[in-house]
Amino acid sequence: MERAVFRFIEHELFSYERTKREIQELREDIISDSSAPRDSIPSAGHISDTTARKAIRLMTNTALTRMTRTVAAIDRAMCRLNENHRALFELRYKQALPWHEVCVMIPVSERTYFRMRQELVMAVGREMGLEN
């Protein structure tokens, strides 16, 4: 795997919790948006149903779609990996602990930590369609 792709996936892993919050906030913003006036006369091609308009915005928002796919890929990869990989994900990427503390807490050797980290990133990359 190329170094840049590896770094990108790690960035997504570190951003996992923030991305989940952003998805929720964006969905809430779209659902609670009442910017369209209710008294306006719909023009050709205009959807007057506010619920349908919000549903379409939820389905077509590119940022929301990308973030949702990323979180889903990470979740799928975590389901396929073993308990030590999930512990590494929790400690290193969610809690942002240094790698040497993760080694002590799991407990694994440094070599095993870096192998597991690579396996985790590769699994997420496969789920994201970035690695074969």
C-alpha atoms as a PDB file:
ATOM      1  CA  MET A   1       0.000   0.000   0.000  1.00  0.00           C
ATOM      2  CA  GLU A   2       1.306   3.434  -0.864  1.00  0.00           C
ATOM      3  CA  ARG A   3       2.378   5.595   2.034  1.00  0.00           C
ATOM      4  CA  ALA A   4      -0.075   8.383   1.138  1.00  0.00           C
ATOM      5  CA  VAL A   5      -3.013   5.936   1.091  1.00  0.00           C
ATOM      6  CA  PHE A   6      -1.901   4.463   4.423  1.00  0.00           C
ATOM      7  CA  ARG A   7      -1.747   7.964   5.951  1.00  0.00           C
ATOM      8  CA  PHE A   8      -5.168   8.851   4.521  1.00  0.00           C
ATOM      9  CA  ILE A   9      -6.746   5.753   6.058  1.00  0.00           C
ATOM     10  CA  GLU A  10      -5.068   6.451   9.394  1.00  0.00           C
ATOM     11  CA  HIS A  11      -6.417  10.002   9.269  1.00  0.00           C
ATOM     12  CA  GLU A  12      -9.907   8.596   8.744  1.00  0.00           C
ATOM     13  CA  LEU A  13      -9.381   6.223  11.691  1.00  0.00           C
ATOM     14  CA  PHE A  14      -8.261   9.066  13.966  1.00  0.00           C
ATOM     15  CA  SER A  15     -11.265  11.128  12.771  1.00  0.00           C
ATOM     16  CA  TYR A  16     -13.809   8.313  13.235  1.00  0.00           C
ATOM     17  CA  GLU A  17     -15.657   9.749  16.263  1.00  0.00           C
ATOM     18  CA  ARG A  18     -15.605  13.306  14.900  1.00  0.00           C
ATOM     19  CA  THR A  19     -16.926  12.057  11.555  1.00  0.00           C
ATOM     20  CA  LYS A  20     -19.790  10.254  13.287  1.00  0.00           C
ATOM     21  CA  ARG A  21     -20.704  13.492  15.119  1.00  0.00           C
ATOM     22  CA  GLU A  22     -20.521  15.484  11.869  1.00  0.00           C
ATOM     23  CA  ILE A  23     -22.832  12.990  10.136  1.00  0.00           C
ATOM     24  CA  GLN A  24     -25.390  13.369  12.915  1.00  0.00           C
ATOM     25  CA  GLU A  25     -25.128  17.177  12.909  1.00  0.00           C
ATOM     26  CA  LEU A  26     -25.443  17.382   9.131  1.00  0.00           C
ATOM     27  CA  ARG A  27     -28.483  15.101   9.122  1.00  0.00           C
ATOM     28  CA  GLU A  28     -30.098  17.175  11.862  1.00  0.00           C
ATOM     29  CA  ASP A  29     -29.342  20.398   9.968  1.00  0.00           C
ATOM     30  CA  ILE A  30     -30.933  19.054   6.800  1.00  0.00           C
ATOM     31  CA  ILE A  31     -33.987  17.702   8.610  1.00  0.00           C
ATOM     32  CA  SER A  32     -34.571  20.850  10.668  1.00  0.00           C
ATOM     33  CA  ASP A  33     -33.959  23.229   7.743  1.00  0.00           C
ATOM     34  CA  SER A  34     -37.046  25.280   7.087  1.00  0.00           C
ATOM     35  CA  SER A  35     -35.529  27.707   4.621  1.00  0.00           C
ATOM     36  CA  ALA A  36     -38.141  27.097   1.912  1.00  0.00           C
ATOM     37  CA  PRO A  37     -41.148  29.397   2.297  1.00  0.00           C
ATOM     38  CA  ARG A  38     -44.408  27.481   2.705  1.00  0.00           C
ATOM     39  CA  ASP A  39     -46.534  30.040   0.864  1.00  0.00           C
ATOM     40  CA  SER A  40     -44.507  30.043  -2.347  1.00  0.00           C
ATOM     41  CA  ILE A  41     -45.987  28.753  -5.571  1.00  0.00           C
ATOM     42  CA  PRO A  42     -43.925  25.845  -6.914  1.00  0.00           C
ATOM     43  CA  SER A  43     -42.342  26.377 -10.306  1.00  0.00           C
ATOM     44  CA  ALA A  44     -41.685  23.717 -12.915  1.00  0.00           C
ATOM     45  CA  GLY A  45     -39.324  21.063 -11.561  1.00  0.00           C
ATOM     46  CA  HIS A  46     -39.730  22.289  -7.988  1.00  0.00           C
ATOM     47  CA  ILE A  47     -40.592  19.814  -5.253  1.00  0.00           C
ATOM     48  CA  SER A  48     -43.184  21.401  -2.989  1.00  0.00           C
ATOM     49  CA  ASP A  49     -43.238  18.544  -0.490  1.00  0.00           C
ATOM     50  CA  THR A  50     -40.804  19.602   2.255  1.00  0.00           C
ATOM     51  CA  THR A  51     -40.359  16.031   3.507  1.00  0.00           C
ATOM     52  CA  ALA A  52     -39.451  14.815   0.031  1.00  0.00           C
ATOM     53  CA  ARG A  53     -37.085  17.760  -0.448  1.00  0.00           C
ATOM     54  CA  LYS A  54     -35.309  16.918   2.837  1.00  0.00           C
ATOM     55  CA  ALA A  55     -35.114  13.223   1.901  1.00  0.00           C
ATOM     56  CA  ILE A  56     -33.575  14.121  -1.439  1.00  0.00           C
ATOM     57  CA  ARG A  57     -31.036  16.394   0.259  1.00  0.00           C
ATOM     58  CA  LEU A  58     -30.149  13.602   2.693  1.00  0.00           C
ATOM     59  CA  MET A  59     -29.611  11.168  -0.182  1.00  0.00           C
ATOM     60  CA  THR A  60     -27.715  13.513  -2.507  1.00  0.00           C
ATOM     61  CA  ASN A  61     -25.458  15.401  -0.102  1.00  0.00           C
ATOM     62  CA  THR A  62     -21.975  14.337  -1.213  1.00  0.00           C
ATOM     63  CA  ALA A  63     -20.231  15.123   2.068  1.00  0.00           C
ATOM     64  CA  LEU A  64     -22.808  13.149   4.022  1.00  0.00           C
ATOM     65  CA  THR A  65     -22.534  10.223   1.599  1.00  0.00           C
ATOM     66  CA  ARG A  66     -18.727  10.158   1.772  1.00  0.00           C
ATOM     67  CA  MET A  67     -18.631  10.352   5.551  1.00  0.00           C
ATOM     68  CA  THR A  68     -21.306   7.664   5.914  1.00  0.00           C
ATOM     69  CA  ARG A  69     -19.431   5.307   3.577  1.00  0.00           C
ATOM     70  CA  THR A  70     -16.185   5.872   5.467  1.00  0.00           C
ATOM     71  CA  VAL A  71     -17.733   5.147   8.872  1.00  0.00           C
ATOM     72  CA  ALA A  72     -19.491   2.071   7.478  1.00  0.00           C
ATOM     73  CA  ALA A  73     -16.212   0.780   5.982  1.00  0.00           C
ATOM     74  CA  ILE A  74     -14.431   1.187   9.318  1.00  0.00           C
ATOM     75  CA  ASP A  75     -17.296  -0.554  11.132  1.00  0.00           C
ATOM     76  CA  ARG A  76     -17.259  -3.482   8.657  1.00  0.00           C
ATOM     77  CA  ALA A  77     -13.491  -3.862   9.006  1.00  0.00           C
ATOM     78  CA  MET A  78     -13.709  -3.815  12.811  1.00  0.00           C
ATOM     79  CA  CYS A  79     -16.317  -6.598  12.720  1.00  0.00           C
ATOM     80  CA  ARG A  80     -13.957  -8.798  10.702  1.00  0.00           C
ATOM     81  CA  LEU A  81     -10.886  -8.232  12.856  1.00  0.00           C
ATOM     82  CA  ASN A  82     -10.084  -9.894  16.165  1.00  0.00           C
ATOM     83  CA  GLU A  83     -10.370  -8.474  19.671  1.00  0.00           C
ATOM     84  CA  ASN A  84      -6.746  -7.272  19.785  1.00  0.00           C
ATOM     85  CA  HIS A  85      -7.262  -5.264  16.592  1.00  0.00           C
ATOM     86  CA  ARG A  86     -10.405  -3.712  18.051  1.00  0.00           C
ATOM     87  CA  ALA A  87      -8.490  -2.873  21.246  1.00  0.00           C
ATOM     88  CA  LEU A  88      -5.750  -1.262  19.149  1.00  0.00           C
ATOM     89  CA  PHE A  89      -8.397   0.775  17.287  1.00  0.00           C
ATOM     90  CA  GLU A  90      -9.957   1.910  20.557  1.00  0.00           C
ATOM     91  CA  LEU A  91      -6.700   2.820  22.277  1.00  0.00           C
ATOM     92  CA  ARG A  92      -4.677   4.224  19.387  1.00  0.00           C
ATOM     93  CA  TYR A  93      -7.245   5.825  17.112  1.00  0.00           C
ATOM     94  CA  LYS A  94     -10.153   6.698  19.397  1.00  0.00           C
ATOM     95  CA  GLN A  95      -8.230   7.561  22.571  1.00  0.00           C
ATOM     96  CA  ALA A  96      -5.090   8.720  20.676  1.00  0.00           C
ATOM     97  CA  LEU A  97      -2.678   6.978  23.045  1.00  0.00           C
ATOM     98  CA  PRO A  98       0.965   6.690  21.951  1.00  0.00           C
ATOM     99  CA  TRP A  99       1.868   3.347  20.399  1.00  0.00           C
ATOM    100  CA  HIS A 100       4.143   2.291  23.272  1.00  0.00           C
ATOM    101  CA  GLU A 101       1.282   2.730  25.767  1.00  0.00           C
ATOM    102  CA  VAL A 102      -0.977   0.678  23.509  1.00  0.00           C
ATOM    103  CA  CYS A 103       1.647  -2.096  23.527  1.00  0.00           C
ATOM    104  CA  VAL A 104       1.592  -2.149  27.323  1.00  0.00           C
ATOM    105  CA  MET A 105      -2.194  -2.024  27.632  1.00  0.00           C
ATOM    106  CA  ILE A 106      -3.099  -4.766  25.121  1.00  0.00           C
ATOM    107  CA  PRO A 107      -0.270  -6.282  25.904  1.00  0.00           C
ATOM    108  CA  VAL A 108       1.721  -7.022  22.754  1.00  0.00           C
ATOM    109  CA  SER A 109       5.297  -6.563  21.583  1.00  0.00           C
ATOM    110  CA  GLU A 110       6.285  -3.574  19.454  1.00  0.00           C
ATOM    111  CA  ARG A 111       6.628  -5.803  16.407  1.00  0.00           C
ATOM    112  CA  THR A 112       3.159  -7.266  16.957  1.00  0.00           C
ATOM    113  CA  TYR A 113       1.693  -3.780  17.445  1.00  0.00           C
ATOM    114  CA  PHE A 114       3.021  -2.541  14.095  1.00  0.00           C
ATOM    115  CA  ARG A 115       1.890  -5.740  12.331  1.00  0.00           C
ATOM    116  CA  MET A 116      -1.596  -5.400  13.815  1.00  0.00           C
ATOM    117  CA  ARG A 117      -1.698  -1.708  12.906  1.00  0.00           C
ATOM    118  CA  GLN A 118      -0.841  -2.553   9.316  1.00  0.00           C
ATOM    119  CA  GLU A 119      -3.464  -5.309   9.219  1.00  0.00           C
ATOM    120  CA  LEU A 120      -6.079  -2.931  10.618  1.00  0.00           C
ATOM    121  CA  VAL A 121      -5.293  -0.185   8.098  1.00  0.00           C
ATOM    122  CA  MET A 122      -5.226  -2.701   5.236  1.00  0.00           C
ATOM    123  CA  ALA A 123      -8.609  -4.135   6.273  1.00  0.00           C
ATOM    124  CA  VAL A 124     -10.150  -0.658   6.358  1.00  0.00           C
ATOM    125  CA  GLY A 125      -8.517   0.135   3.017  1.00  0.00           C
ATOM    126  CA  ARG A 126     -10.080  -2.963   1.466  1.00  0.00           C
ATOM    127  CA  GLU A 127     -13.511  -2.005   2.829  1.00  0.00           C
ATOM    128  CA  MET A 128     -13.074   1.529   1.468  1.00  0.00           C
ATOM    129  CA  GLY A 129     -12.067   0.162  -1.931  1.00  0.00           C
ATOM    130  CA  LEU A 130      -8.556   1.613  -1.682  1.00  0.00           C
ATOM    131  CA  GLU A 131      -6.684  -1.680  -1.363  1.00  0.00           C
ATOM    132  CA  ASN A 132      -7.202  -5.054  -3.054  1.00  0.00           C
END
